[in-house]
Amino acid sequence: YPLPYGRQRGQERRRLRLEDWFLAVHLLLSWDDQKSISAEEMEKYLTRFLKDDAKTKLRVTPRLTTEIFLRGILRTLWD
Protein backbone atom coordinates (compact mmCIF):
# COMPACT_ATOMS: atom_id res chain seq x y z
CA TYR A 1 0.00 0.00 0.00
CA PRO A 2 1.22 3.56 -0.63
CA LEU A 3 3.12 5.51 2.03
CA PRO A 4 1.65 8.63 3.61
CA TYR A 5 2.67 11.79 1.71
CA GLY A 6 4.90 13.19 4.46
CA ARG A 7 6.83 9.96 4.86
CA GLN A 8 7.17 9.56 1.09
CA ARG A 9 8.53 13.10 0.79
CA GLY A 10 11.03 12.44 3.57
CA GLN A 11 12.28 9.30 1.87
CA GLU A 12 12.71 11.17 -1.41
CA ARG A 13 14.77 13.89 0.32
CA ARG A 14 16.92 11.21 1.95
CA ARG A 15 17.45 9.45 -1.39
CA LEU A 16 18.53 12.71 -3.04
CA ARG A 17 20.92 13.47 -0.18
CA LEU A 18 22.43 10.00 -0.47
CA GLU A 19 22.89 10.50 -4.22
CA ASP A 20 24.81 13.72 -3.49
CA TRP A 21 27.12 11.91 -1.07
CA PHE A 22 27.51 9.00 -3.52
CA LEU A 23 28.66 11.44 -6.21
CA ALA A 24 30.95 13.21 -3.73
CA VAL A 25 32.72 9.95 -2.89
CA HIS A 26 33.24 9.13 -6.57
CA LEU A 27 34.41 12.65 -7.32
CA LEU A 28 36.97 12.50 -4.53
CA LEU A 29 38.14 9.03 -5.56
CA SER A 30 39.02 10.40 -9.00
CA TRP A 31 40.42 13.71 -7.69
CA ASP A 32 44.22 14.12 -7.69
CA ASP A 33 44.92 16.30 -4.67
CA GLN A 34 48.69 16.01 -5.12
CA LYS A 35 48.92 18.32 -8.12
CA SER A 36 48.22 22.03 -8.07
CA ILE A 37 45.20 23.05 -10.06
CA SER A 38 43.70 26.41 -10.99
CA ALA A 39 40.14 27.42 -10.22
CA GLU A 40 39.36 27.25 -13.95
CA GLU A 41 40.71 23.71 -14.21
CA MET A 42 38.71 22.70 -11.14
CA GLU A 43 35.52 24.05 -12.75
CA LYS A 44 36.27 22.15 -15.97
CA TYR A 45 36.90 18.97 -14.01
CA LEU A 46 33.66 19.35 -12.06
CA THR A 47 31.67 20.08 -15.23
CA ARG A 48 33.12 17.03 -16.97
CA PHE A 49 32.42 14.85 -13.93
CA LEU A 50 28.79 16.01 -13.73
CA LYS A 51 28.17 15.60 -17.46
CA ASP A 52 30.06 12.41 -18.16
CA ASP A 53 30.77 10.38 -15.04
CA ALA A 54 27.66 11.14 -13.01
CA LYS A 55 25.14 10.66 -15.80
CA THR A 56 26.80 7.99 -17.90
CA LYS A 57 28.91 5.86 -15.58
CA LEU A 58 27.08 6.31 -12.27
CA ARG A 59 23.58 6.84 -13.71
CA VAL A 60 22.72 9.70 -11.39
CA THR A 61 21.21 12.93 -12.66
CA PRO A 62 22.89 15.76 -10.74
CA ARG A 63 20.77 18.67 -9.56
CA LEU A 64 21.82 22.28 -9.02
CA THR A 65 22.18 21.60 -5.30
CA THR A 66 24.42 18.62 -6.13
CA GLU A 67 26.70 20.85 -8.16
CA ILE A 68 26.87 23.43 -5.36
CA PHE A 69 27.61 20.71 -2.79
CA LEU A 70 30.39 19.16 -4.89
CA ARG A 71 31.89 22.54 -5.73
CA GLY A 72 32.04 23.33 -2.01
CA ILE A 73 33.88 20.08 -1.31
CA LEU A 74 36.43 20.73 -4.08
CA ARG A 75 37.00 24.32 -3.01
CA THR A 76 37.60 23.19 0.56
CA LEU A 77 40.30 20.82 -0.69
CA TRP A 78 41.66 23.41 -3.08
CA ASP A 79 42.22 26.11 -0.43
C-alpha atoms as a PDB file:
ATOM      1  CA  TYR A   1       0.000   0.000   0.000  1.00  0.00           C
ATOM      2  CA  PRO A   2       1.225   3.564  -0.626  1.00  0.00           C
ATOM      3  CA  LEU A   3       3.119   5.505   2.027  1.00  0.00           C
ATOM      4  CA  PRO A   4       1.645   8.628   3.606  1.00  0.00           C
ATOM      5  CA  TYR A   5       2.666  11.792   1.712  1.00  0.00           C
ATOM      6  CA  GLY A   6       4.905  13.188   4.464  1.00  0.00           C
ATOM      7  CA  ARG A   7       6.831   9.962   4.857  1.00  0.00           C
ATOM      8  CA  GLN A   8       7.172   9.560   1.089  1.00  0.00           C
ATOM      9  CA  ARG A   9       8.534  13.102   0.792  1.00  0.00           C
ATOM     10  CA  GLY A  10      11.029  12.437   3.573  1.00  0.00           C
ATOM     11  CA  GLN A  11      12.275   9.295   1.870  1.00  0.00           C
ATOM     12  CA  GLU A  12      12.714  11.168  -1.410  1.00  0.00           C
ATOM     13  CA  ARG A  13      14.772  13.887   0.321  1.00  0.00           C
ATOM     14  CA  ARG A  14      16.925  11.211   1.951  1.00  0.00           C
ATOM     15  CA  ARG A  15      17.449   9.454  -1.389  1.00  0.00           C
ATOM     16  CA  LEU A  16      18.535  12.706  -3.044  1.00  0.00           C
ATOM     17  CA  ARG A  17      20.921  13.474  -0.184  1.00  0.00           C
ATOM     18  CA  LEU A  18      22.434   9.998  -0.468  1.00  0.00           C
ATOM     19  CA  GLU A  19      22.890  10.504  -4.221  1.00  0.00           C
ATOM     20  CA  ASP A  20      24.807  13.716  -3.494  1.00  0.00           C
ATOM     21  CA  TRP A  21      27.117  11.908  -1.070  1.00  0.00           C
ATOM     22  CA  PHE A  22      27.511   8.998  -3.518  1.00  0.00           C
ATOM     23  CA  LEU A  23      28.661  11.439  -6.206  1.00  0.00           C
ATOM     24  CA  ALA A  24      30.948  13.208  -3.725  1.00  0.00           C
ATOM     25  CA  VAL A  25      32.717   9.949  -2.891  1.00  0.00           C
ATOM     26  CA  HIS A  26      33.239   9.126  -6.569  1.00  0.00           C
ATOM     27  CA  LEU A  27      34.408  12.652  -7.322  1.00  0.00           C
ATOM     28  CA  LEU A  28      36.972  12.499  -4.528  1.00  0.00           C
ATOM     29  CA  LEU A  29      38.144   9.033  -5.558  1.00  0.00           C
ATOM     30  CA  SER A  30      39.017  10.400  -8.996  1.00  0.00           C
ATOM     31  CA  TRP A  31      40.422  13.706  -7.692  1.00  0.00           C
ATOM     32  CA  ASP A  32      44.216  14.116  -7.694  1.00  0.00           C
ATOM     33  CA  ASP A  33      44.924  16.299  -4.673  1.00  0.00           C
ATOM     34  CA  GLN A  34      48.690  16.010  -5.119  1.00  0.00           C
ATOM     35  CA  LYS A  35      48.919  18.324  -8.122  1.00  0.00           C
ATOM     36  CA  SER A  36      48.224  22.027  -8.070  1.00  0.00           C
ATOM     37  CA  ILE A  37      45.202  23.053 -10.059  1.00  0.00           C
ATOM     38  CA  SER A  38      43.703  26.408 -10.989  1.00  0.00           C
ATOM     39  CA  ALA A  39      40.136  27.418 -10.224  1.00  0.00           C
ATOM     40  CA  GLU A  40      39.359  27.251 -13.946  1.00  0.00           C
ATOM     41  CA  GLU A  41      40.708  23.705 -14.214  1.00  0.00           C
ATOM     42  CA  MET A  42      38.710  22.704 -11.145  1.00  0.00           C
ATOM     43  CA  GLU A  43      35.516  24.050 -12.752  1.00  0.00           C
ATOM     44  CA  LYS A  44      36.268  22.155 -15.968  1.00  0.00           C
ATOM     45  CA  TYR A  45      36.902  18.965 -14.008  1.00  0.00           C
ATOM     46  CA  LEU A  46      33.660  19.347 -12.063  1.00  0.00           C
ATOM     47  CA  THR A  47      31.669  20.082 -15.225  1.00  0.00           C
ATOM     48  CA  ARG A  48      33.116  17.029 -16.965  1.00  0.00           C
ATOM     49  CA  PHE A  49      32.419  14.854 -13.929  1.00  0.00           C
ATOM     50  CA  LEU A  50      28.788  16.007 -13.727  1.00  0.00           C
ATOM     51  CA  LYS A  51      28.168  15.603 -17.463  1.00  0.00           C
ATOM     52  CA  ASP A  52      30.055  12.406 -18.157  1.00  0.00           C
ATOM     53  CA  ASP A  53      30.769  10.383 -15.042  1.00  0.00           C
ATOM     54  CA  ALA A  54      27.661  11.138 -13.013  1.00  0.00           C
ATOM     55  CA  LYS A  55      25.140  10.660 -15.796  1.00  0.00           C
ATOM     56  CA  THR A  56      26.802   7.985 -17.901  1.00  0.00           C
ATOM     57  CA  LYS A  57      28.907   5.860 -15.575  1.00  0.00           C
ATOM     58  CA  LEU A  58      27.085   6.314 -12.269  1.00  0.00           C
ATOM     59  CA  ARG A  59      23.583   6.841 -13.711  1.00  0.00           C
ATOM     60  CA  VAL A  60      22.723   9.699 -11.385  1.00  0.00           C
ATOM     61  CA  THR A  61      21.213  12.928 -12.662  1.00  0.00           C
ATOM     62  CA  PRO A  62      22.887  15.756 -10.741  1.00  0.00           C
ATOM     63  CA  ARG A  63      20.770  18.671  -9.559  1.00  0.00           C
ATOM     64  CA  LEU A  64      21.823  22.280  -9.015  1.00  0.00           C
ATOM     65  CA  THR A  65      22.178  21.601  -5.299  1.00  0.00           C
ATOM     66  CA  THR A  66      24.415  18.622  -6.128  1.00  0.00           C
ATOM     67  CA  GLU A  67      26.704  20.853  -8.157  1.00  0.00           C
ATOM     68  CA  ILE A  68      26.873  23.432  -5.356  1.00  0.00           C
ATOM     69  CA  PHE A  69      27.609  20.712  -2.789  1.00  0.00           C
ATOM     70  CA  LEU A  70      30.386  19.158  -4.892  1.00  0.00           C
ATOM     71  CA  ARG A  71      31.889  22.545  -5.731  1.00  0.00           C
ATOM     72  CA  GLY A  72      32.038  23.328  -2.014  1.00  0.00           C
ATOM     73  CA  ILE A  73      33.875  20.081  -1.313  1.00  0.00           C
ATOM     74  CA  LEU A  74      36.428  20.729  -4.075  1.00  0.00           C
ATOM     75  CA  ARG A  75      36.998  24.324  -3.010  1.00  0.00           C
ATOM     76  CA  THR A  76      37.604  23.191   0.564  1.00  0.00           C
ATOM     77  CA  LEU A  77      40.299  20.821  -0.690  1.00  0.00           C
ATOM     78  CA  TRP A  78      41.664  23.413  -3.084  1.00  0.00           C
ATOM     79  CA  ASP A  79      42.223  26.110  -0.429  1.00  0.00           C
END
